[in-house]
Amino acid sequence: MRRRFLNFCEIHVIVGPMFAGKTTAFLRRVKSEGNNGTNVAIIKSSKDTRYAVDSVVTHDGTKFPCWALQDLLSFRRKIGDEAYAKSMLDVIEAQFFGDLYDFCCKVADHDGKTVIVAGLDGDYLRFFLQINSFFFLFLDANL
């Protein structure tokens, strides 16, 4: 999908290695936006079952509810229009989603929503993950 700017909003990216505080920074930002009146929906990969199926959980145990999906583009169809209507759709464990780029372009550029994406920048062998590399080409803020 080519990036076209119809209802341009923003894409913010939080990347780093394991145990770097990405989830803590992500939840801090999500809670801040929620406290400011922004309607937020969080999506995580259904592959992430470490702590809870329906929550984002930091390593120190802080929890926040979310929806778990195999792919991002099915969010509206599987979760519903009410959840999709939120002004901010945020993705945690982004490295698991093959449709991340297309989803972010659709949500931010076509539907006018802000997106926060958080994920690993490399694997356990310290190889850079391909899925994160193209975000540096079009991100609006790297946190």
C-alpha atoms as a PDB file:
ATOM      1  CA  MET A   1       0.000   0.000   0.000  1.00  0.00           C
ATOM      2  CA  ARG A   2       1.433   3.361  -0.987  1.00  0.00           C
ATOM      3  CA  ARG A   3       1.191   6.151   1.582  1.00  0.00           C
ATOM      4  CA  ARG A   4      -1.370   8.762   0.531  1.00  0.00           C
ATOM      5  CA  PHE A   5      -2.271  11.628   2.799  1.00  0.00           C
ATOM      6  CA  LEU A   6      -6.048  12.000   2.867  1.00  0.00           C
ATOM      7  CA  ASN A   7      -6.754  12.513   6.576  1.00  0.00           C
ATOM      8  CA  PHE A   8      -3.182  12.577   7.803  1.00  0.00           C
ATOM      9  CA  CYS A   9      -2.590  11.909  11.456  1.00  0.00           C
ATOM     10  CA  GLU A  10       0.520  10.662  13.235  1.00  0.00           C
ATOM     11  CA  ILE A  11       2.450   7.453  13.740  1.00  0.00           C
ATOM     12  CA  HIS A  12       4.692   7.239  16.812  1.00  0.00           C
ATOM     13  CA  VAL A  13       7.196   4.412  17.200  1.00  0.00           C
ATOM     14  CA  ILE A  14       8.759   2.987  20.367  1.00  0.00           C
ATOM     15  CA  VAL A  15      11.491   0.447  19.580  1.00  0.00           C
ATOM     16  CA  GLY A  16      14.282  -1.186  21.504  1.00  0.00           C
ATOM     17  CA  PRO A  17      15.694  -4.464  22.792  1.00  0.00           C
ATOM     18  CA  MET A  18      14.040  -6.758  25.314  1.00  0.00           C
ATOM     19  CA  PHE A  19      13.757  -5.375  28.858  1.00  0.00           C
ATOM     20  CA  ALA A  20      14.363  -1.795  27.665  1.00  0.00           C
ATOM     21  CA  GLY A  21      11.081  -0.432  29.043  1.00  0.00           C
ATOM     22  CA  LYS A  22       9.138  -0.290  25.763  1.00  0.00           C
ATOM     23  CA  THR A  23       5.896  -1.584  27.266  1.00  0.00           C
ATOM     24  CA  THR A  24       6.206   0.742  30.264  1.00  0.00           C
ATOM     25  CA  ALA A  25       6.763   3.737  27.956  1.00  0.00           C
ATOM     26  CA  PHE A  26       3.904   2.559  25.726  1.00  0.00           C
ATOM     27  CA  LEU A  27       1.441   2.243  28.625  1.00  0.00           C
ATOM     28  CA  ARG A  28       2.564   5.559  30.119  1.00  0.00           C
ATOM     29  CA  ARG A  29       1.767   7.237  26.803  1.00  0.00           C
ATOM     30  CA  VAL A  30      -1.555   5.396  26.391  1.00  0.00           C
ATOM     31  CA  LYS A  31      -2.650   6.338  29.918  1.00  0.00           C
ATOM     32  CA  SER A  32      -1.615   9.952  29.367  1.00  0.00           C
ATOM     33  CA  GLU A  33      -3.656  10.139  26.162  1.00  0.00           C
ATOM     34  CA  GLY A  34      -6.624   8.528  27.933  1.00  0.00           C
ATOM     35  CA  ASN A  35      -6.382  11.017  30.808  1.00  0.00           C
ATOM     36  CA  ASN A  36      -6.459  13.827  28.234  1.00  0.00           C
ATOM     37  CA  GLY A  37      -9.753  12.520  26.846  1.00  0.00           C
ATOM     38  CA  THR A  38      -8.461  10.556  23.859  1.00  0.00           C
ATOM     39  CA  ASN A  39     -10.333   7.331  23.122  1.00  0.00           C
ATOM     40  CA  VAL A  40      -7.683   4.617  22.855  1.00  0.00           C
ATOM     41  CA  ALA A  41      -7.769   0.997  21.674  1.00  0.00           C
ATOM     42  CA  ILE A  42      -4.779  -1.307  22.140  1.00  0.00           C
ATOM     43  CA  ILE A  43      -4.020  -4.283  19.926  1.00  0.00           C
ATOM     44  CA  LYS A  44      -1.424  -6.949  20.625  1.00  0.00           C
ATOM     45  CA  SER A  45      -0.478 -10.115  18.815  1.00  0.00           C
ATOM     46  CA  SER A  46      -2.362 -13.254  19.764  1.00  0.00           C
ATOM     47  CA  LYS A  47       1.099 -14.897  19.758  1.00  0.00           C
ATOM     48  CA  ASP A  48       1.954 -12.961  22.926  1.00  0.00           C
ATOM     49  CA  THR A  49       0.538 -15.117  25.727  1.00  0.00           C
ATOM     50  CA  ARG A  50       3.323 -14.561  28.283  1.00  0.00           C
ATOM     51  CA  TYR A  51       1.273 -12.859  31.013  1.00  0.00           C
ATOM     52  CA  ALA A  52      -2.339 -12.533  29.833  1.00  0.00           C
ATOM     53  CA  VAL A  53      -4.372 -13.085  26.675  1.00  0.00           C
ATOM     54  CA  ASP A  54      -6.477  -9.911  26.932  1.00  0.00           C
ATOM     55  CA  SER A  55      -4.029  -7.487  28.572  1.00  0.00           C
ATOM     56  CA  VAL A  56      -0.752  -5.744  27.941  1.00  0.00           C
ATOM     57  CA  VAL A  57       1.463  -6.467  30.954  1.00  0.00           C
ATOM     58  CA  THR A  58       4.811  -4.916  31.846  1.00  0.00           C
ATOM     59  CA  HIS A  59       7.592  -6.978  33.399  1.00  0.00           C
ATOM     60  CA  ASP A  60       6.757  -5.396  36.778  1.00  0.00           C
ATOM     61  CA  GLY A  61       3.097  -6.480  36.526  1.00  0.00           C
ATOM     62  CA  THR A  62       1.301  -3.303  35.387  1.00  0.00           C
ATOM     63  CA  LYS A  63      -1.721  -4.335  33.262  1.00  0.00           C
ATOM     64  CA  PHE A  64      -3.910  -2.620  30.687  1.00  0.00           C
ATOM     65  CA  PRO A  65      -6.744  -4.257  28.687  1.00  0.00           C
ATOM     66  CA  CYS A  66      -6.313  -4.904  24.971  1.00  0.00           C
ATOM     67  CA  TRP A  67      -7.513  -6.986  22.051  1.00  0.00           C
ATOM     68  CA  ALA A  68      -5.351  -9.865  20.798  1.00  0.00           C
ATOM     69  CA  LEU A  69      -5.340 -10.501  17.040  1.00  0.00           C
ATOM     70  CA  GLN A  70      -3.404 -12.571  14.505  1.00  0.00           C
ATOM     71  CA  ASP A  71      -3.402  -9.733  11.982  1.00  0.00           C
ATOM     72  CA  LEU A  72      -4.128  -6.013  12.274  1.00  0.00           C
ATOM     73  CA  LEU A  73      -6.234  -5.494   9.171  1.00  0.00           C
ATOM     74  CA  SER A  74      -8.930  -7.752  10.662  1.00  0.00           C
ATOM     75  CA  PHE A  75      -9.364  -5.446  13.689  1.00  0.00           C
ATOM     76  CA  ARG A  76     -12.497  -3.639  12.487  1.00  0.00           C
ATOM     77  CA  ARG A  77     -14.155  -6.817  11.206  1.00  0.00           C
ATOM     78  CA  LYS A  78     -13.358  -8.933  14.289  1.00  0.00           C
ATOM     79  CA  ILE A  79     -13.659  -6.368  17.089  1.00  0.00           C
ATOM     80  CA  GLY A  80     -16.264  -4.027  15.613  1.00  0.00           C
ATOM     81  CA  ASP A  81     -16.926  -0.476  14.482  1.00  0.00           C
ATOM     82  CA  GLU A  82     -17.224   0.932  18.006  1.00  0.00           C
ATOM     83  CA  ALA A  83     -13.658  -0.068  18.876  1.00  0.00           C
ATOM     84  CA  TYR A  84     -12.364   1.015  15.469  1.00  0.00           C
ATOM     85  CA  ALA A  85     -14.002   4.435  15.895  1.00  0.00           C
ATOM     86  CA  LYS A  86     -11.573   5.339  18.685  1.00  0.00           C
ATOM     87  CA  SER A  87      -9.283   8.208  17.729  1.00  0.00           C
ATOM     88  CA  MET A  88      -6.100   6.355  18.680  1.00  0.00           C
ATOM     89  CA  LEU A  89      -5.293   2.739  17.760  1.00  0.00           C
ATOM     90  CA  ASP A  90      -2.107   1.467  19.368  1.00  0.00           C
ATOM     91  CA  VAL A  91      -0.088  -1.660  18.581  1.00  0.00           C
ATOM     92  CA  ILE A  92       2.208  -3.462  21.029  1.00  0.00           C
ATOM     93  CA  GLU A  93       4.594  -6.311  20.066  1.00  0.00           C
ATOM     94  CA  ALA A  94       4.531  -4.915  16.533  1.00  0.00           C
ATOM     95  CA  GLN A  95       7.212  -7.303  15.275  1.00  0.00           C
ATOM     96  CA  PHE A  96       4.615 -10.099  15.148  1.00  0.00           C
ATOM     97  CA  PHE A  97       2.373  -8.376  12.576  1.00  0.00           C
ATOM     98  CA  GLY A  98       3.118  -8.895   8.880  1.00  0.00           C
ATOM     99  CA  ASP A  99       0.470  -6.321   7.921  1.00  0.00           C
ATOM    100  CA  LEU A 100       1.785  -3.599  10.239  1.00  0.00           C
ATOM    101  CA  TYR A 101       2.793  -1.161   7.498  1.00  0.00           C
ATOM    102  CA  ASP A 102      -0.514  -1.440   5.611  1.00  0.00           C
ATOM    103  CA  PHE A 103      -2.511  -1.117   8.832  1.00  0.00           C
ATOM    104  CA  CYS A 104      -0.641   1.988   9.958  1.00  0.00           C
ATOM    105  CA  CYS A 105      -0.981   3.662   6.568  1.00  0.00           C
ATOM    106  CA  LYS A 106      -4.717   2.924   6.473  1.00  0.00           C
ATOM    107  CA  VAL A 107      -5.386   4.006  10.046  1.00  0.00           C
ATOM    108  CA  ALA A 108      -3.236   7.153  10.080  1.00  0.00           C
ATOM    109  CA  ASP A 109      -3.327   8.381   6.502  1.00  0.00           C
ATOM    110  CA  HIS A 110      -6.792   7.323   5.393  1.00  0.00           C
ATOM    111  CA  ASP A 111      -8.813   7.242   8.610  1.00  0.00           C
ATOM    112  CA  GLY A 112      -7.121  10.152  10.408  1.00  0.00           C
ATOM    113  CA  LYS A 113      -6.143   8.348  13.602  1.00  0.00           C
ATOM    114  CA  THR A 114      -2.993   8.544  15.684  1.00  0.00           C
ATOM    115  CA  VAL A 115      -1.091   5.265  16.038  1.00  0.00           C
ATOM    116  CA  ILE A 116       1.525   4.335  18.624  1.00  0.00           C
ATOM    117  CA  VAL A 117       3.560   1.288  17.637  1.00  0.00           C
ATOM    118  CA  ALA A 118       5.896  -0.494  20.059  1.00  0.00           C
ATOM    119  CA  GLY A 119       8.094  -3.472  19.329  1.00  0.00           C
ATOM    120  CA  LEU A 120      11.489  -5.078  19.246  1.00  0.00           C
ATOM    121  CA  ASP A 121      14.162  -3.609  17.011  1.00  0.00           C
ATOM    122  CA  GLY A 122      16.048  -6.903  16.797  1.00  0.00           C
ATOM    123  CA  ASP A 123      15.908 -10.560  17.691  1.00  0.00           C
ATOM    124  CA  TYR A 124      17.763 -12.448  20.413  1.00  0.00           C
ATOM    125  CA  LEU A 125      20.761 -12.817  18.099  1.00  0.00           C
ATOM    126  CA  ARG A 126      20.852  -9.012  17.651  1.00  0.00           C
ATOM    127  CA  PHE A 127      19.710  -9.138  14.047  1.00  0.00           C
ATOM    128  CA  PHE A 128      17.633  -6.124  13.016  1.00  0.00           C
ATOM    129  CA  LEU A 129      13.994  -7.028  12.401  1.00  0.00           C
ATOM    130  CA  GLN A 130      12.822  -6.192   8.877  1.00  0.00           C
ATOM    131  CA  ILE A 131       9.352  -5.163  10.031  1.00  0.00           C
ATOM    132  CA  ASN A 132      10.704  -2.216  11.978  1.00  0.00           C
ATOM    133  CA  SER A 133      13.105  -0.932   9.321  1.00  0.00           C
ATOM    134  CA  PHE A 134      10.538   0.732   7.087  1.00  0.00           C
ATOM    135  CA  PHE A 135       8.992   2.651   9.975  1.00  0.00           C
ATOM    136  CA  PHE A 136      11.997   4.926  10.071  1.00  0.00           C
ATOM    137  CA  LEU A 137      11.055   6.013   6.565  1.00  0.00           C
ATOM    138  CA  PHE A 138       7.741   7.532   7.600  1.00  0.00           C
ATOM    139  CA  LEU A 139       7.368   7.771  11.371  1.00  0.00           C
ATOM    140  CA  ASP A 140       6.282  11.080  12.872  1.00  0.00           C
ATOM    141  CA  ALA A 141       7.934  10.612  16.283  1.00  0.00           C
ATOM    142  CA  ASN A 142      10.475   8.097  17.533  1.00  0.00           C
ATOM    143  CA  LEU A 143      10.088   7.800  21.302  1.00  0.00           C
END
